[in-house]
Amino acid sequence: MSRTDLTRGPSRGPAPAPRRAETRSAEGKLPLAALLALTTAVFITSLTETLPAGLLPAMGGDLGVGESAAGQTVTVYALGTVLTAIPLSTATAGWRRRRLLLTAMAGFAVANTVTALSTSYPLTMAARFAAGVAAGLAWALLAGYARRMAPAHLQGRAVAVAMAGIPVALSLGVPAGTFVGKVTGWQTAFLVMTGLTLVLLAWIPAAVPDHPGHRPEKGSSPSMLGALKVPGVAPVLTVTLVFVLAHTLLYTYIAAFLDRLGMGGRADAVLLVFGGASLTGTWAVGALINRRLRALMITGTLLVAVAGVVLALFARSPALVYGAVVLWGLGWGGVPTLLQTAAGDAGDAGGGQADAAQAMLVTLWNVAMAGGGVVGGLLLDAFGTGALPWSVPILLVPVAAVVVAARTHGFPARRA
């Protein structure tokens, strides 16, 4: 992402708000109010995607379709992100960042409201696709925005604070949304999301500093192809695709896996443990990422791989299942921060290609999530739930190889 300075103010008179934010960063402090606003934006983006998972029976009944068809509201959301993240990121590269963030969040407010009020399945699907479009815009923006708010030595920590919205959404948001949906109706859960988004739309102008977009100079290569030519971008994207695929294969069908073990009634507790461990992993990555990005990426890969092996070999022991889930959460929790930071670093080194690299990362992330659901389903049908944990270490072997090989670019021993 470009390190373009904030718009210069006049030489005399009070400095504008963005300049004040820049001064705070220069003093070595994180702008927590602004970063927590981004955390909330990440929370809304993550929860909007996953909320239907706990509400499918009620949604399907009210929309007059089966649970399988209702489940496609998650698929079409991912499709909206995959199809639009790259072109929208390119088209809005020159927009000021706060304006772009407000636009994306307004998209969530409209889409979730329409979803809540709709009694038509096609209209609901259209609203969910629109929410996916807003998500593509948001994901391509948020990590880079967090980086630009912080001084260089705290950029990784800033991204970690923003990305903490993901495990919070998974560990607390989904269970809370499911509870609200069961008590008051699934429509209320989506309306609560709209209300939270409206609060955020007021919060952003009050607390989040503005930054200019990045308009590439003539003769430069701002395209996705140009970003792929930057050393380090391709390894980061490869790791993103395969790591997220490995995680999603198991996470999507964790309830079915636990049910086979006779632990189906403990699925909520297992997911809560996973969420808590993920938050701990996110915190650890935020504290160490500036000096240890490469080591953290290798450690996270090994922890998730070991968790897969334990679940494959010792799943009959509930204690070992919980232990494996803790390892899984610790390893996975910081992965979004690590990959977003690595992509941003590589893109910055390539002369302002961070936005393009982030957009491709978002697209591949969602491709991997959709692929994980499909491939996991095929494995489930062909070999049963016992095959799912084995897929994790098998896929993470090449991930570890790429991370180790990308010592100079992508996952360097020392961050610039």
Protein backbone atom coordinates (compact mmCIF):
# COMPACT_ATOMS: atom_id res chain seq x y z
CA MET A 1 0.00 0.00 0.00
CA SER A 2 1.27 3.45 -0.85
CA ARG A 3 2.82 5.42 1.93
CA THR A 4 1.45 8.59 0.36
CA ASP A 5 1.42 11.37 2.96
CA LEU A 6 -1.83 12.82 4.14
CA THR A 7 -3.05 15.83 2.23
CA ARG A 8 -0.79 18.70 3.13
CA GLY A 9 -2.44 21.54 5.02
CA PRO A 10 -1.47 25.20 4.89
CA SER A 11 1.75 26.28 6.55
CA ARG A 12 -0.09 28.41 9.08
CA GLY A 13 -3.18 27.80 11.17
CA PRO A 14 -4.45 24.69 12.92
CA ALA A 15 -3.67 21.36 11.32
CA PRO A 16 -6.57 19.30 9.93
CA ALA A 17 -7.71 16.11 11.68
CA PRO A 18 -5.74 13.70 9.46
CA ARG A 19 -2.53 15.60 10.21
CA ARG A 20 -3.25 15.32 13.93
CA ALA A 21 -3.74 11.57 13.54
CA GLU A 22 -0.42 11.43 11.71
CA THR A 23 1.25 13.26 14.60
CA ARG A 24 -0.10 10.74 17.09
CA SER A 25 1.29 7.92 14.97
CA ALA A 26 4.65 9.65 14.88
CA GLU A 27 4.62 9.66 18.66
CA GLY A 28 4.46 5.88 18.61
CA LYS A 29 0.89 5.39 19.79
CA LEU A 30 -1.87 3.29 18.31
CA PRO A 31 -5.09 5.23 17.56
CA LEU A 32 -7.25 2.78 19.50
CA ALA A 33 -10.61 4.49 18.95
CA ALA A 34 -10.07 4.38 15.20
CA LEU A 35 -8.74 0.83 15.22
CA LEU A 36 -11.65 -0.41 17.32
CA ALA A 37 -13.97 1.09 14.72
CA LEU A 38 -12.18 -1.07 12.14
CA THR A 39 -12.47 -4.05 14.50
CA THR A 40 -16.22 -3.48 14.56
CA ALA A 41 -16.25 -3.28 10.75
CA VAL A 42 -14.42 -6.61 10.58
CA PHE A 43 -16.88 -8.07 13.11
CA ILE A 44 -19.85 -6.94 11.01
CA THR A 45 -18.30 -8.29 7.83
CA SER A 46 -17.52 -11.69 9.37
CA LEU A 47 -20.82 -12.08 11.20
CA THR A 48 -22.93 -11.04 8.22
CA GLU A 49 -21.34 -13.90 6.29
CA THR A 50 -21.76 -16.61 8.92
CA LEU A 51 -24.99 -15.57 10.67
CA PRO A 52 -27.33 -17.61 8.45
CA ALA A 53 -25.57 -20.83 9.48
CA GLY A 54 -27.38 -20.83 12.83
CA LEU A 55 -30.71 -19.66 11.39
CA LEU A 56 -31.18 -21.90 8.35
CA PRO A 57 -34.28 -23.88 9.45
CA ALA A 58 -36.24 -20.74 10.34
CA MET A 59 -35.05 -18.82 7.30
CA GLY A 60 -35.93 -21.68 4.97
CA GLY A 61 -39.38 -22.07 6.52
CA ASP A 62 -40.28 -18.39 6.18
CA LEU A 63 -38.90 -18.14 2.64
CA GLY A 64 -40.63 -21.33 1.53
CA VAL A 65 -37.46 -23.29 0.70
CA GLY A 66 -35.55 -26.19 2.24
CA GLU A 67 -32.49 -25.89 4.45
CA SER A 68 -30.19 -26.71 1.55
CA ALA A 69 -31.56 -23.83 -0.50
CA ALA A 70 -31.41 -21.54 2.52
CA GLY A 71 -27.78 -22.52 2.94
CA GLN A 72 -27.05 -21.02 -0.44
CA THR A 73 -27.44 -17.60 1.17
CA VAL A 74 -23.91 -18.20 2.49
CA THR A 75 -22.65 -19.40 -0.89
CA VAL A 76 -24.03 -16.43 -2.80
CA TYR A 77 -22.44 -14.07 -0.28
CA ALA A 78 -19.02 -15.61 -0.97
CA LEU A 79 -19.76 -15.45 -4.70
CA GLY A 80 -20.43 -11.72 -4.46
CA THR A 81 -17.05 -11.25 -2.79
CA VAL A 82 -15.12 -13.45 -5.22
CA LEU A 83 -16.57 -11.80 -8.33
CA THR A 84 -16.21 -8.19 -7.25
CA ALA A 85 -13.27 -7.77 -4.83
CA ILE A 86 -10.61 -7.32 -7.52
CA PRO A 87 -12.52 -5.10 -9.99
CA LEU A 88 -13.97 -2.92 -7.23
CA SER A 89 -10.57 -2.53 -5.59
CA THR A 90 -9.13 -1.39 -8.90
CA ALA A 91 -12.04 0.94 -9.66
CA THR A 92 -11.93 2.61 -6.23
CA ALA A 93 -8.15 2.80 -5.84
CA GLY A 94 -8.23 6.58 -6.00
CA TRP A 95 -11.09 7.03 -3.50
CA ARG A 96 -10.30 8.48 -0.13
CA ARG A 97 -10.23 5.65 2.39
CA ARG A 98 -12.86 6.92 4.82
CA ARG A 99 -15.35 7.51 2.04
CA LEU A 100 -14.74 3.99 0.76
CA LEU A 101 -15.17 2.48 4.24
CA LEU A 102 -18.42 4.37 4.78
CA THR A 103 -19.69 3.15 1.41
CA ALA A 104 -18.92 -0.47 2.25
CA MET A 105 -20.58 -0.26 5.67
CA ALA A 106 -23.64 1.46 4.20
CA GLY A 107 -23.86 -1.49 1.81
CA PHE A 108 -24.05 -3.86 4.78
CA ALA A 109 -26.77 -1.76 6.43
CA VAL A 110 -28.94 -1.87 3.30
CA ALA A 111 -28.29 -5.55 2.53
CA ASN A 112 -28.99 -6.76 6.07
CA THR A 113 -32.15 -4.66 6.29
CA VAL A 114 -33.47 -6.06 3.01
CA THR A 115 -32.59 -9.59 4.18
CA ALA A 116 -34.53 -9.06 7.40
CA LEU A 117 -37.64 -7.63 5.71
CA SER A 118 -37.73 -9.86 2.63
CA THR A 119 -40.31 -12.60 2.26
CA SER A 120 -39.04 -13.54 -1.21
CA TYR A 121 -36.25 -16.04 -1.70
CA PRO A 122 -34.90 -14.38 -4.90
CA LEU A 123 -34.86 -10.97 -3.19
CA THR A 124 -33.06 -12.45 -0.17
CA MET A 125 -30.46 -14.01 -2.44
CA ALA A 126 -29.96 -10.67 -4.20
CA ALA A 127 -29.50 -8.93 -0.85
CA ARG A 128 -26.98 -11.54 0.25
CA PHE A 129 -25.05 -11.13 -3.00
CA ALA A 130 -24.99 -7.36 -2.37
CA ALA A 131 -23.66 -8.01 1.14
CA GLY A 132 -20.89 -10.10 -0.41
CA VAL A 133 -20.03 -7.22 -2.72
CA ALA A 134 -19.76 -4.91 0.29
CA ALA A 135 -17.57 -7.52 2.00
CA GLY A 136 -15.20 -7.67 -0.97
CA LEU A 137 -14.82 -3.91 -0.82
CA ALA A 138 -14.30 -3.96 2.95
CA TRP A 139 -11.80 -6.84 3.11
CA ALA A 140 -9.62 -5.29 0.41
CA LEU A 141 -9.57 -2.04 2.41
CA LEU A 142 -9.48 -2.80 6.13
CA ALA A 143 -6.01 -4.28 6.69
CA GLY A 144 -4.31 -1.59 4.63
CA TYR A 145 -6.30 1.12 6.38
CA ALA A 146 -5.19 -0.18 9.77
CA ARG A 147 -1.56 -0.22 8.63
CA ARG A 148 -1.70 3.39 7.50
CA MET A 149 -3.02 4.54 10.87
CA ALA A 150 -0.01 3.25 12.77
CA PRO A 151 3.70 4.06 12.88
CA ALA A 152 5.87 1.58 11.01
CA HIS A 153 6.92 -0.39 14.10
CA LEU A 154 3.29 -0.88 15.18
CA GLN A 155 1.65 -1.68 11.85
CA GLY A 156 1.43 -5.42 12.52
CA ARG A 157 -0.16 -4.77 15.90
CA ALA A 158 -2.65 -2.38 14.30
CA VAL A 159 -3.72 -5.06 11.81
CA ALA A 160 -4.04 -7.56 14.69
CA VAL A 161 -6.37 -5.21 16.57
CA ALA A 162 -8.55 -4.78 13.48
CA MET A 163 -8.59 -8.50 12.62
CA ALA A 164 -9.62 -9.41 16.19
CA GLY A 165 -13.15 -8.87 14.92
CA ILE A 166 -12.97 -12.26 13.15
CA PRO A 167 -12.57 -14.57 16.19
CA VAL A 168 -14.97 -12.38 18.19
CA ALA A 169 -17.59 -12.83 15.47
CA LEU A 170 -17.06 -16.59 15.34
CA SER A 171 -16.87 -17.24 19.09
CA LEU A 172 -19.43 -14.74 20.38
CA GLY A 173 -21.33 -13.22 17.47
CA VAL A 174 -22.62 -16.39 15.85
CA PRO A 175 -23.89 -17.98 19.11
CA ALA A 176 -25.45 -14.65 20.18
CA GLY A 177 -27.08 -14.15 16.78
CA THR A 178 -28.41 -17.70 16.82
CA PHE A 179 -29.88 -17.17 20.31
CA VAL A 180 -31.55 -13.90 19.28
CA GLY A 181 -32.94 -15.59 16.18
CA LYS A 182 -34.43 -18.44 18.18
CA VAL A 183 -35.98 -16.16 20.80
CA THR A 184 -37.33 -13.31 18.66
CA GLY A 185 -37.09 -14.53 15.06
CA TRP A 186 -34.23 -14.69 12.57
CA GLN A 187 -35.24 -11.32 11.09
CA THR A 188 -34.39 -9.62 14.39
CA ALA A 189 -30.83 -10.94 14.25
CA PHE A 190 -30.29 -9.23 10.90
CA LEU A 191 -31.93 -6.02 12.12
CA VAL A 192 -29.56 -5.99 15.10
CA MET A 193 -26.72 -6.14 12.58
CA THR A 194 -28.22 -3.13 10.82
CA GLY A 195 -28.42 -1.23 14.10
CA LEU A 196 -24.78 -1.98 14.90
CA THR A 197 -23.79 -0.84 11.41
CA LEU A 198 -25.65 2.46 11.85
CA VAL A 199 -23.72 3.07 15.07
CA LEU A 200 -20.50 2.38 13.18
CA LEU A 201 -21.49 4.81 10.40
CA ALA A 202 -21.60 7.54 13.04
CA TRP A 203 -18.43 6.31 14.74
CA ILE A 204 -16.25 6.32 11.62
CA PRO A 205 -16.45 10.08 10.82
CA ALA A 206 -15.91 10.91 14.50
CA ALA A 207 -12.86 8.71 15.16
CA VAL A 208 -11.29 7.33 11.99
CA PRO A 209 -8.74 9.58 10.23
CA ASP A 210 -9.04 9.98 6.49
CA HIS A 211 -6.33 8.95 4.04
CA PRO A 212 -6.01 9.47 0.29
CA GLY A 213 -6.30 6.62 -2.15
CA HIS A 214 -3.46 5.62 -4.39
CA ARG A 215 -3.66 6.67 -8.02
CA PRO A 216 -0.90 4.90 -9.93
CA GLU A 217 1.38 7.06 -12.02
CA LYS A 218 1.43 6.83 -15.79
CA GLY A 219 3.53 3.95 -17.00
CA SER A 220 3.17 2.03 -13.75
CA SER A 221 1.53 -1.38 -13.54
CA PRO A 222 -1.43 -1.11 -11.15
CA SER A 223 -3.15 -4.25 -12.34
CA MET A 224 -3.43 -7.56 -10.55
CA LEU A 225 -0.91 -8.95 -13.02
CA GLY A 226 1.48 -6.19 -12.00
CA ALA A 227 1.09 -7.14 -8.34
CA LEU A 228 1.76 -10.81 -9.12
CA LYS A 229 5.09 -9.82 -10.63
CA VAL A 230 6.18 -8.31 -7.30
CA PRO A 231 8.53 -10.70 -5.45
CA GLY A 232 6.79 -12.20 -2.45
CA VAL A 233 3.18 -11.66 -3.51
CA ALA A 234 2.74 -15.06 -5.18
CA PRO A 235 4.02 -17.07 -2.17
CA VAL A 236 1.69 -15.18 0.18
CA LEU A 237 -1.28 -15.81 -2.10
CA THR A 238 -0.39 -19.49 -2.46
CA VAL A 239 -0.21 -19.91 1.31
CA THR A 240 -3.53 -18.07 1.67
CA LEU A 241 -5.35 -20.36 -0.76
CA VAL A 242 -4.08 -23.66 0.66
CA PHE A 243 -4.09 -22.73 4.37
CA VAL A 244 -7.65 -21.38 4.28
CA LEU A 245 -8.74 -24.45 2.31
CA ALA A 246 -7.24 -26.75 4.97
CA HIS A 247 -8.93 -24.84 7.79
CA THR A 248 -12.32 -24.60 6.08
CA LEU A 249 -12.42 -28.30 5.18
CA LEU A 250 -12.55 -29.21 8.85
CA TYR A 251 -14.25 -26.17 10.35
CA THR A 252 -17.25 -26.35 8.02
CA TYR A 253 -18.02 -29.92 9.09
CA ILE A 254 -16.83 -29.81 12.69
CA ALA A 255 -20.36 -30.44 13.98
CA ALA A 256 -20.64 -33.60 11.87
CA PHE A 257 -17.18 -34.71 13.03
CA LEU A 258 -18.07 -34.20 16.69
CA ASP A 259 -21.41 -35.95 16.24
CA ARG A 260 -19.59 -39.08 14.99
CA LEU A 261 -17.56 -39.03 18.19
CA GLY A 262 -20.65 -38.75 20.38
CA MET A 263 -19.80 -35.12 21.18
CA GLY A 264 -22.51 -33.52 19.06
CA GLY A 265 -24.06 -31.94 22.15
CA ARG A 266 -20.77 -30.23 22.96
CA ALA A 267 -20.33 -28.48 19.62
CA ASP A 268 -21.09 -25.05 21.12
CA ALA A 269 -18.52 -25.59 23.87
CA VAL A 270 -15.90 -26.78 21.39
CA LEU A 271 -16.46 -23.73 19.17
CA LEU A 272 -16.29 -21.45 22.20
CA VAL A 273 -12.93 -22.98 23.16
CA PHE A 274 -11.76 -22.53 19.58
CA GLY A 275 -12.83 -18.88 19.61
CA GLY A 276 -11.08 -18.19 22.91
CA ALA A 277 -7.86 -19.81 21.67
CA SER A 278 -8.14 -17.82 18.44
CA LEU A 279 -8.38 -14.57 20.39
CA THR A 280 -5.25 -15.58 22.33
CA GLY A 281 -3.45 -16.37 19.07
CA THR A 282 -4.48 -13.03 17.62
CA TRP A 283 -3.14 -11.24 20.71
CA ALA A 284 0.19 -13.10 20.56
CA VAL A 285 0.61 -12.30 16.88
CA GLY A 286 -0.16 -8.63 17.51
CA ALA A 287 2.52 -8.49 20.20
CA LEU A 288 5.25 -10.21 18.16
CA ILE A 289 4.50 -9.70 14.48
CA ASN A 290 6.80 -6.75 13.93
CA ARG A 291 9.88 -8.87 14.78
CA ARG A 292 8.70 -12.43 14.25
CA LEU A 293 6.30 -12.60 11.28
CA ARG A 294 8.12 -15.52 9.65
CA ALA A 295 8.47 -17.49 12.89
CA LEU A 296 4.82 -16.87 13.76
CA MET A 297 3.68 -18.07 10.34
CA ILE A 298 5.71 -21.28 10.65
CA THR A 299 4.48 -21.81 14.23
CA GLY A 300 0.85 -21.26 13.27
CA THR A 301 1.16 -23.75 10.41
CA LEU A 302 2.70 -26.38 12.67
CA LEU A 303 0.10 -25.89 15.43
CA VAL A 304 -2.83 -26.36 13.06
CA ALA A 305 -1.15 -29.37 11.41
CA VAL A 306 -0.51 -31.01 14.79
CA ALA A 307 -4.13 -30.33 15.78
CA GLY A 308 -5.27 -32.16 12.65
CA VAL A 309 -3.08 -35.17 13.47
CA VAL A 310 -4.36 -35.32 17.07
CA LEU A 311 -7.98 -35.16 15.89
CA ALA A 312 -7.27 -37.90 13.36
CA LEU A 313 -5.53 -40.28 15.78
CA PHE A 314 -6.90 -39.54 19.26
CA ALA A 315 -10.40 -38.18 18.70
CA ARG A 316 -11.93 -40.81 21.00
CA SER A 317 -10.62 -38.87 23.98
CA PRO A 318 -12.73 -35.75 24.66
CA ALA A 319 -9.82 -34.20 26.58
CA LEU A 320 -7.52 -34.59 23.57
CA VAL A 321 -10.22 -33.20 21.28
CA TYR A 322 -10.38 -30.05 23.38
CA GLY A 323 -6.58 -29.91 23.48
CA ALA A 324 -6.41 -30.20 19.70
CA VAL A 325 -9.02 -27.47 19.31
CA VAL A 326 -6.93 -25.20 21.53
CA LEU A 327 -3.87 -25.80 19.32
CA TRP A 328 -6.00 -25.21 16.23
CA GLY A 329 -7.34 -21.92 17.57
CA LEU A 330 -3.91 -20.71 18.72
CA GLY A 331 -2.43 -21.47 15.32
CA TRP A 332 -5.31 -20.15 13.25
CA GLY A 333 -6.23 -17.03 15.23
CA GLY A 334 -3.33 -14.93 13.98
CA VAL A 335 -3.31 -16.22 10.40
CA PRO A 336 -5.53 -13.45 8.94
CA THR A 337 -3.26 -10.82 10.48
CA LEU A 338 -0.07 -12.57 9.33
CA LEU A 339 -1.26 -13.03 5.76
CA GLN A 340 -2.71 -9.52 5.44
CA THR A 341 0.51 -8.04 6.81
CA ALA A 342 2.73 -10.19 4.57
CA ALA A 343 0.68 -9.23 1.51
CA GLY A 344 0.84 -5.56 2.46
CA ASP A 345 4.59 -5.69 3.04
CA ALA A 346 5.22 -7.41 -0.28
CA GLY A 347 2.92 -5.02 -2.14
CA ASP A 348 4.56 -1.99 -0.55
CA ALA A 349 7.97 -3.25 -1.63
CA GLY A 350 6.61 -3.46 -5.16
CA GLY A 351 5.82 0.24 -5.34
CA GLY A 352 2.25 0.79 -4.21
CA GLN A 353 0.85 -2.63 -5.13
CA ALA A 354 -0.47 -3.42 -1.66
CA ASP A 355 -4.11 -2.67 -2.54
CA ALA A 356 -3.97 -5.03 -5.52
CA ALA A 357 -2.29 -7.72 -3.43
CA GLN A 358 -4.94 -7.35 -0.71
CA ALA A 359 -7.75 -7.61 -3.26
CA MET A 360 -6.31 -10.84 -4.66
CA LEU A 361 -5.84 -12.20 -1.14
CA VAL A 362 -9.51 -11.49 -0.35
CA THR A 363 -10.61 -13.21 -3.56
CA LEU A 364 -8.49 -16.32 -2.99
CA TRP A 365 -9.57 -16.44 0.67
CA ASN A 366 -13.21 -16.66 -0.38
CA VAL A 367 -12.44 -19.12 -3.17
CA ALA A 368 -10.76 -21.32 -0.56
CA MET A 369 -13.74 -21.01 1.80
CA ALA A 370 -16.17 -22.04 -0.94
CA GLY A 371 -13.81 -24.80 -2.06
CA GLY A 372 -13.44 -26.05 1.49
CA GLY A 373 -17.18 -26.57 1.76
CA VAL A 374 -17.34 -28.41 -1.56
CA VAL A 375 -14.21 -30.56 -1.14
CA GLY A 376 -15.08 -31.28 2.49
CA GLY A 377 -18.51 -32.47 1.43
CA LEU A 378 -16.98 -34.78 -1.17
CA LEU A 379 -14.58 -36.22 1.40
CA LEU A 380 -17.42 -36.65 3.85
CA ASP A 381 -19.53 -38.56 1.34
CA ALA A 382 -16.66 -40.70 0.06
CA PHE A 383 -14.69 -41.51 3.22
CA GLY A 384 -16.68 -40.27 6.21
CA THR A 385 -15.78 -37.68 8.82
CA GLY A 386 -12.55 -39.49 9.74
CA ALA A 387 -10.93 -38.19 6.53
CA LEU A 388 -11.48 -34.53 7.40
CA PRO A 389 -8.75 -34.05 10.05
CA TRP A 390 -6.21 -35.90 7.87
CA SER A 391 -6.75 -33.36 5.10
CA VAL A 392 -5.37 -30.62 7.35
CA PRO A 393 -1.77 -31.84 7.80
CA ILE A 394 -1.67 -33.11 4.22
CA LEU A 395 -2.48 -29.65 2.87
CA LEU A 396 -0.28 -27.83 5.37
CA VAL A 397 2.90 -29.67 4.34
CA PRO A 398 3.18 -27.64 1.10
CA VAL A 399 2.16 -24.51 3.02
CA ALA A 400 5.11 -24.96 5.38
CA ALA A 401 7.40 -25.59 2.40
CA VAL A 402 6.36 -22.35 0.70
CA VAL A 403 6.75 -20.31 3.90
CA VAL A 404 10.23 -21.75 4.54
CA ALA A 405 11.29 -21.15 0.93
CA ALA A 406 10.01 -17.55 0.88
CA ARG A 407 12.77 -16.38 3.21
CA THR A 408 13.78 -13.37 1.13
CA HIS A 409 10.38 -12.22 -0.15
CA GLY A 410 6.91 -13.01 1.15
CA PHE A 411 7.84 -14.27 4.62
CA PRO A 412 11.26 -12.70 5.21
CA ALA A 413 13.37 -13.35 8.27
CA ARG A 414 13.32 -9.62 8.93
CA ARG A 415 10.53 -7.20 8.09
CA ALA A 416 11.60 -4.02 6.37
